[in-house]
């Protein structure tokens, strides 16, 4: 079960990374996917949900810390 969870987390993070524009969003997506997979014991919904939350947090971080 753990191996499939890790695989799902990696696939979800790579899919999320493909659509990301900045480093902050990529790091947020990958971290969120990993945390979501760990919390949901490799569940697809938890992994994807974590990736979406991580992407949002990366976007907020980017908005607050990028030069204007």
PDB file of N, CA and C in Angstrom:
ATOM      1  N   UNK A   1       0.817  -1.191   0.000  1.00  0.00           N
ATOM      2  CA  UNK A   1       0.000   0.000   0.000  1.00  0.00           C
ATOM      3  C   UNK A   1       0.862   1.256   0.000  1.00  0.00           C
ATOM      4  N   UNK A   2       1.968   1.232   0.734  1.00  0.00           N
ATOM      5  CA  UNK A   2       2.821   2.400   0.826  1.00  0.00           C
ATOM      6  C   UNK A   2       3.484   2.709  -0.509  1.00  0.00           C
ATOM      7  N   UNK A   3       3.897   1.688  -1.234  1.00  0.00           N
ATOM      8  CA  UNK A   3       4.538   1.923  -2.530  1.00  0.00           C
ATOM      9  C   UNK A   3       3.580   2.574  -3.515  1.00  0.00           C
ATOM     10  N   UNK A   4       2.349   2.115  -3.548  1.00  0.00           N
ATOM     11  CA  UNK A   4       1.393   2.717  -4.467  1.00  0.00           C
ATOM     12  C   UNK A   4       1.090   4.151  -4.062  1.00  0.00           C
ATOM     13  N   UNK A   5       1.079   4.431  -2.760  1.00  0.00           N
ATOM     14  CA  UNK A   5       0.850   5.797  -2.288  1.00  0.00           C
ATOM     15  C   UNK A   5       1.968   6.732  -2.703  1.00  0.00           C
ATOM     16  N   UNK A   6       3.187   6.242  -2.615  1.00  0.00           N
ATOM     17  CA  UNK A   6       4.331   7.053  -3.037  1.00  0.00           C
ATOM     18  C   UNK A   6       4.263   7.305  -4.537  1.00  0.00           C
ATOM     19  N   UNK A   7       3.900   6.287  -5.297  1.00  0.00           N
ATOM     20  CA  UNK A   7       3.776   6.454  -6.744  1.00  0.00           C
ATOM     21  C   UNK A   7       2.706   7.465  -7.112  1.00  0.00           C
ATOM     22  N   UNK A   8       1.568   7.381  -6.425  1.00  0.00           N
ATOM     23  CA  UNK A   8       0.493   8.335  -6.690  1.00  0.00           C
ATOM     24  C   UNK A   8       0.946   9.747  -6.332  1.00  0.00           C
ATOM     25  N   UNK A   9       1.650   9.879  -5.219  1.00  0.00           N
ATOM     26  CA  UNK A   9       2.134  11.200  -4.810  1.00  0.00           C
ATOM     27  C   UNK A   9       3.101  11.769  -5.844  1.00  0.00           C
ATOM     28  N   UNK A  10       3.990  10.933  -6.345  1.00  0.00           N
ATOM     29  CA  UNK A  10       4.945  11.408  -7.349  1.00  0.00           C
ATOM     30  C   UNK A  10       4.246  11.815  -8.638  1.00  0.00           C
ATOM     31  N   UNK A  11       3.320  10.995  -9.082  1.00  0.00           N
ATOM     32  CA  UNK A  11       2.602  11.320 -10.323  1.00  0.00           C
ATOM     33  C   UNK A  11       1.810  12.608 -10.151  1.00  0.00           C
ATOM     34  N   UNK A  12       1.113  12.733  -9.032  1.00  0.00           N
ATOM     35  CA  UNK A  12       0.327  13.946  -8.794  1.00  0.00           C
ATOM     36  C   UNK A  12       1.216  15.179  -8.726  1.00  0.00           C
ATOM     37  N   UNK A  13       2.363  15.044  -8.086  1.00  0.00           N
ATOM     38  CA  UNK A  13       3.244  16.205  -7.993  1.00  0.00           C
ATOM     39  C   UNK A  13       3.832  16.570  -9.349  1.00  0.00           C
ATOM     40  N   UNK A  14       4.161  15.572 -10.174  1.00  0.00           N
ATOM     41  CA  UNK A  14       4.681  15.884 -11.502  1.00  0.00           C
ATOM     42  C   UNK A  14       3.621  16.519 -12.389  1.00  0.00           C
ATOM     43  N   UNK A  15       2.398  16.047 -12.280  1.00  0.00           N
ATOM     44  CA  UNK A  15       1.301  16.658 -13.050  1.00  0.00           C
ATOM     45  C   UNK A  15       1.099  18.088 -12.585  1.00  0.00           C
ATOM     46  N   UNK A  16       1.128  18.292 -11.286  1.00  0.00           N
ATOM     47  CA  UNK A  16       0.986  19.651 -10.766  1.00  0.00           C
ATOM     48  C   UNK A  16       2.139  20.544 -11.163  1.00  0.00           C
ATOM     49  N   UNK A  17       3.338  19.989 -11.169  1.00  0.00           N
ATOM     50  CA  UNK A  17       4.508  20.775 -11.538  1.00  0.00           C
ATOM     51  C   UNK A  17       4.486  21.189 -13.000  1.00  0.00           C
ATOM     52  N   UNK A  18       3.897  20.381 -13.830  1.00  0.00           N
ATOM     53  CA  UNK A  18       3.862  20.697 -15.264  1.00  0.00           C
ATOM     54  C   UNK A  18       3.078  21.970 -15.535  1.00  0.00           C
ATOM     55  N   UNK A  19       2.078  22.259 -14.703  1.00  0.00           N
ATOM     56  CA  UNK A  19       1.263  23.448 -14.921  1.00  0.00           C
ATOM     57  C   UNK A  19       1.710  24.652 -14.122  1.00  0.00           C
ATOM     58  N   UNK A  20       2.747  24.522 -13.344  1.00  0.00           N
ATOM     59  CA  UNK A  20       3.193  25.624 -12.491  1.00  0.00           C
ATOM     60  C   UNK A  20       4.129  26.549 -13.242  1.00  0.00           C
ATOM     61  N   UNK A  21       4.044  27.820 -12.910  1.00  0.00           N
ATOM     62  CA  UNK A  21       4.858  28.805 -13.609  1.00  0.00           C
ATOM     63  C   UNK A  21       6.102  29.205 -12.834  1.00  0.00           C
ATOM     64  N   UNK A  22       6.066  29.137 -11.522  1.00  0.00           N
ATOM     65  CA  UNK A  22       7.184  29.637 -10.737  1.00  0.00           C
ATOM     66  C   UNK A  22       7.691  28.580  -9.765  1.00  0.00           C
ATOM     67  N   UNK A  23       8.874  28.862  -9.229  1.00  0.00           N
ATOM     68  CA  UNK A  23       9.487  27.951  -8.270  1.00  0.00           C
ATOM     69  C   UNK A  23       8.645  27.826  -7.003  1.00  0.00           C
ATOM     70  N   UNK A  24       8.081  28.926  -6.544  1.00  0.00           N
ATOM     71  CA  UNK A  24       7.266  28.895  -5.329  1.00  0.00           C
ATOM     72  C   UNK A  24       6.070  27.982  -5.498  1.00  0.00           C
ATOM     73  N   UNK A  25       5.418  28.060  -6.642  1.00  0.00           N
ATOM     74  CA  UNK A  25       4.246  27.216  -6.904  1.00  0.00           C
ATOM     75  C   UNK A  25       4.638  25.755  -7.057  1.00  0.00           C
ATOM     76  N   UNK A  26       5.784  25.501  -7.683  1.00  0.00           N
ATOM     77  CA  UNK A  26       6.242  24.116  -7.833  1.00  0.00           C
ATOM     78  C   UNK A  26       6.551  23.489  -6.482  1.00  0.00           C
ATOM     79  N   UNK A  27       7.248  24.238  -5.628  1.00  0.00           N
ATOM     80  CA  UNK A  27       7.594  23.723  -4.307  1.00  0.00           C
ATOM     81  C   UNK A  27       6.332  23.505  -3.485  1.00  0.00           C
ATOM     82  N   UNK A  28       5.401  24.434  -3.571  1.00  0.00           N
ATOM     83  CA  UNK A  28       4.140  24.286  -2.846  1.00  0.00           C
ATOM     84  C   UNK A  28       3.356  23.068  -3.299  1.00  0.00           C
ATOM     85  N   UNK A  29       3.297  22.858  -4.607  1.00  0.00           N
ATOM     86  CA  UNK A  29       2.556  21.722  -5.145  1.00  0.00           C
ATOM     87  C   UNK A  29       3.184  20.398  -4.738  1.00  0.00           C
ATOM     88  N   UNK A  30       4.487  20.290  -4.878  1.00  0.00           N
ATOM     89  CA  UNK A  30       5.173  19.039  -4.530  1.00  0.00           C
ATOM     90  C   UNK A  30       5.071  18.751  -3.038  1.00  0.00           C
ATOM     91  N   UNK A  31       5.255  19.773  -2.220  1.00  0.00           N
ATOM     92  CA  UNK A  31       5.164  19.586  -0.770  1.00  0.00           C
ATOM     93  C   UNK A  31       3.747  19.219  -0.356  1.00  0.00           C
ATOM     94  N   UNK A  32       2.774  19.919  -0.929  1.00  0.00           N
ATOM     95  CA  UNK A  32       1.378  19.624  -0.618  1.00  0.00           C
ATOM     96  C   UNK A  32       0.985  18.213  -1.017  1.00  0.00           C
ATOM     97  N   UNK A  33       1.450  17.761  -2.172  1.00  0.00           N
ATOM     98  CA  UNK A  33       1.148  16.403  -2.626  1.00  0.00           C
ATOM     99  C   UNK A  33       1.771  15.371  -1.695  1.00  0.00           C
ATOM    100  N   UNK A  34       2.997  15.624  -1.267  1.00  0.00           N
ATOM    101  CA  UNK A  34       3.663  14.682  -0.360  1.00  0.00           C
ATOM    102  C   UNK A  34       2.958  14.629   0.988  1.00  0.00           C
ATOM    103  N   UNK A  35       2.587  15.784   1.516  1.00  0.00           N
ATOM    104  CA  UNK A  35       1.890  15.810   2.808  1.00  0.00           C
ATOM    105  C   UNK A  35       0.507  15.180   2.680  1.00  0.00           C
ATOM    106  N   UNK A  36      -0.193  15.493   1.591  1.00  0.00           N
ATOM    107  CA  UNK A  36      -1.513  14.905   1.381  1.00  0.00           C
ATOM    108  C   UNK A  36      -1.454  13.396   1.259  1.00  0.00           C
ATOM    109  N   UNK A  37      -0.439  12.888   0.601  1.00  0.00           N
ATOM    110  CA  UNK A  37      -0.280  11.437   0.466  1.00  0.00           C
ATOM    111  C   UNK A  37       0.028  10.802   1.814  1.00  0.00           C
ATOM    112  N   UNK A  38       0.848  11.464   2.608  1.00  0.00           N
ATOM    113  CA  UNK A  38       1.199  10.923   3.921  1.00  0.00           C
ATOM    114  C   UNK A  38      -0.012  10.915   4.857  1.00  0.00           C
ATOM    115  N   UNK A  39      -0.772  11.993   4.827  1.00  0.00           N
ATOM    116  CA  UNK A  39      -1.925  12.099   5.721  1.00  0.00           C
ATOM    117  C   UNK A  39      -3.028  11.124   5.325  1.00  0.00           C
ATOM    118  N   UNK A  40      -3.245  10.963   4.025  1.00  0.00           N
ATOM    119  CA  UNK A  40      -4.339  10.106   3.556  1.00  0.00           C
ATOM    120  C   UNK A  40      -3.898   8.667   3.315  1.00  0.00           C
ATOM    121  N   UNK A  41      -2.685   8.322   3.725  1.00  0.00           N
ATOM    122  CA  UNK A  41      -2.129   6.986   3.543  1.00  0.00           C
ATOM    123  C   UNK A  41      -2.107   6.585   2.070  1.00  0.00           C
ATOM    124  N   UNK A  42      -1.723   7.529   1.222  1.00  0.00           N
ATOM    125  CA  UNK A  42      -1.583   7.266  -0.201  1.00  0.00           C
ATOM    126  C   UNK A  42      -2.864   7.388  -0.995  1.00  0.00           C
ATOM    127  N   UNK A  43      -3.892   7.944  -0.411  1.00  0.00           N
ATOM    128  CA  UNK A  43      -5.163   8.094  -1.118  1.00  0.00           C
ATOM    129  C   UNK A  43      -5.069   9.121  -2.236  1.00  0.00           C
ATOM    130  N   UNK A  44      -5.762   8.848  -3.315  1.00  0.00           N
ATOM    131  CA  UNK A  44      -5.712   9.740  -4.479  1.00  0.00           C
ATOM    132  C   UNK A  44      -6.284  11.111  -4.161  1.00  0.00           C
ATOM    133  N   UNK A  45      -7.421  11.123  -3.508  1.00  0.00           N
ATOM    134  CA  UNK A  45      -8.071  12.399  -3.211  1.00  0.00           C
ATOM    135  C   UNK A  45      -7.226  13.228  -2.251  1.00  0.00           C
ATOM    136  N   UNK A  46      -6.661  12.600  -1.248  1.00  0.00           N
ATOM    137  CA  UNK A  46      -5.810  13.312  -0.301  1.00  0.00           C
ATOM    138  C   UNK A  46      -4.559  13.862  -0.953  1.00  0.00           C
ATOM    139  N   UNK A  47      -3.974  13.078  -1.854  1.00  0.00           N
ATOM    140  CA  UNK A  47      -2.771  13.521  -2.552  1.00  0.00           C
ATOM    141  C   UNK A  47      -3.071  14.701  -3.454  1.00  0.00           C
ATOM    142  N   UNK A  48      -4.125  14.596  -4.241  1.00  0.00           N
ATOM    143  CA  UNK A  48      -4.480  15.697  -5.140  1.00  0.00           C
ATOM    144  C   UNK A  48      -4.956  16.920  -4.364  1.00  0.00           C
ATOM    145  N   UNK A  49      -5.700  16.686  -3.292  1.00  0.00           N
ATOM    146  CA  UNK A  49      -6.134  17.805  -2.455  1.00  0.00           C
ATOM    147  C   UNK A  49      -4.949  18.524  -1.835  1.00  0.00           C
ATOM    148  N   UNK A  50      -3.987  17.760  -1.362  1.00  0.00           N
ATOM    149  CA  UNK A  50      -2.777  18.369  -0.809  1.00  0.00           C
ATOM    150  C   UNK A  50      -2.009  19.158  -1.841  1.00  0.00           C
ATOM    151  N   UNK A  51      -1.952  18.631  -3.065  1.00  0.00           N
ATOM    152  CA  UNK A  51      -1.265  19.347  -4.141  1.00  0.00           C
ATOM    153  C   UNK A  51      -1.965  20.669  -4.440  1.00  0.00           C
ATOM    154  N   UNK A  52      -3.290  20.663  -4.438  1.00  0.00           N
ATOM    155  CA  UNK A  52      -4.031  21.895  -4.720  1.00  0.00           C
ATOM    156  C   UNK A  52      -3.829  22.919  -3.603  1.00  0.00           C
ATOM    157  N   UNK A  53      -3.868  22.466  -2.360  1.00  0.00           N
ATOM    158  CA  UNK A  53      -3.646  23.380  -1.237  1.00  0.00           C
ATOM    159  C   UNK A  53      -2.219  23.925  -1.283  1.00  0.00           C
ATOM    160  N   UNK A  54      -1.260  23.065  -1.560  1.00  0.00           N
ATOM    161  CA  UNK A  54       0.133  23.501  -1.659  1.00  0.00           C
ATOM    162  C   UNK A  54       0.350  24.501  -2.774  1.00  0.00           C
ATOM    163  N   UNK A  55      -0.320  24.293  -3.900  1.00  0.00           N
ATOM    164  CA  UNK A  55      -0.222  25.238  -5.010  1.00  0.00           C
ATOM    165  C   UNK A  55      -0.764  26.604  -4.583  1.00  0.00           C
ATOM    166  N   UNK A  56      -1.890  26.582  -3.900  1.00  0.00           N
ATOM    167  CA  UNK A  56      -2.471  27.841  -3.424  1.00  0.00           C
ATOM    168  C   UNK A  56      -1.556  28.560  -2.451  1.00  0.00           C
ATOM    169  N   UNK A  57      -0.950  27.803  -1.542  1.00  0.00           N
ATOM    170  CA  UNK A  57      -0.029  28.417  -0.592  1.00  0.00           C
ATOM    171  C   UNK A  57       1.211  28.973  -1.293  1.00  0.00           C
ATOM    172  N   UNK A  58       1.697  28.254  -2.293  1.00  0.00           N
ATOM    173  CA  UNK A  58       2.832  28.761  -3.070  1.00  0.00           C
ATOM    174  C   UNK A  58       2.485  30.043  -3.801  1.00  0.00           C
ATOM    175  N   UNK A  59       1.274  30.120  -4.279  1.00  0.00           N
ATOM    176  CA  UNK A  59       0.833  31.331  -4.977  1.00  0.00           C
ATOM    177  C   UNK A  59       0.725  32.515  -4.016  1.00  0.00           C
ATOM    178  N   UNK A  60       0.192  32.273  -2.836  1.00  0.00           N
ATOM    179  CA  UNK A  60       0.098  33.335  -1.823  1.00  0.00           C
ATOM    180  C   UNK A  60       1.495  33.796  -1.424  1.00  0.00           C
ATOM    181  N   UNK A  61       2.397  32.848  -1.207  1.00  0.00           N
ATOM    182  CA  UNK A  61       3.772  33.198  -0.855  1.00  0.00           C
ATOM    183  C   UNK A  61       4.403  34.048  -1.954  1.00  0.00           C
ATOM    184  N   UNK A  62       4.203  33.635  -3.200  1.00  0.00           N
ATOM    185  CA  UNK A  62       4.764  34.373  -4.331  1.00  0.00           C
ATOM    186  C   UNK A  62       4.195  35.789  -4.389  1.00  0.00           C
ATOM    187  N   UNK A  63       2.903  35.933  -4.182  1.00  0.00           N
ATOM    188  CA  UNK A  63       2.279  37.259  -4.232  1.00  0.00           C
ATOM    189  C   UNK A  63       2.816  38.179  -3.147  1.00  0.00           C
ATOM    190  N   UNK A  64       3.083  37.627  -1.976  1.00  0.00           N
ATOM    191  CA  UNK A  64       3.566  38.455  -0.868  1.00  0.00           C
ATOM    192  C   UNK A  64       5.058  38.783  -0.945  1.00  0.00           C
ATOM    193  N   UNK A  65       5.835  37.916  -1.584  1.00  0.00           N
ATOM    194  CA  UNK A  65       7.283  38.100  -1.568  1.00  0.00           C
ATOM    195  C   UNK A  65       7.906  38.473  -2.899  1.00  0.00           C
ATOM    196  N   UNK A  66       7.117  38.614  -3.927  1.00  0.00           N
ATOM    197  CA  UNK A  66       7.698  38.974  -5.226  1.00  0.00           C
ATOM    198  C   UNK A  66       7.817  40.494  -5.331  1.00  0.00           C
ATOM    199  N   UNK A  67       8.872  40.946  -5.972  1.00  0.00           N
ATOM    200  CA  UNK A  67       9.023  42.409  -6.148  1.00  0.00           C
ATOM    201  C   UNK A  67       7.955  42.937  -7.093  1.00  0.00           C
ATOM    202  N   UNK A  68       7.473  44.110  -6.784  1.00  0.00           N
ATOM    203  CA  UNK A  68       6.397  44.679  -7.602  1.00  0.00           C
ATOM    204  C   UNK A  68       6.854  45.841  -8.405  1.00  0.00           C
TER     205      UNK A  68
END
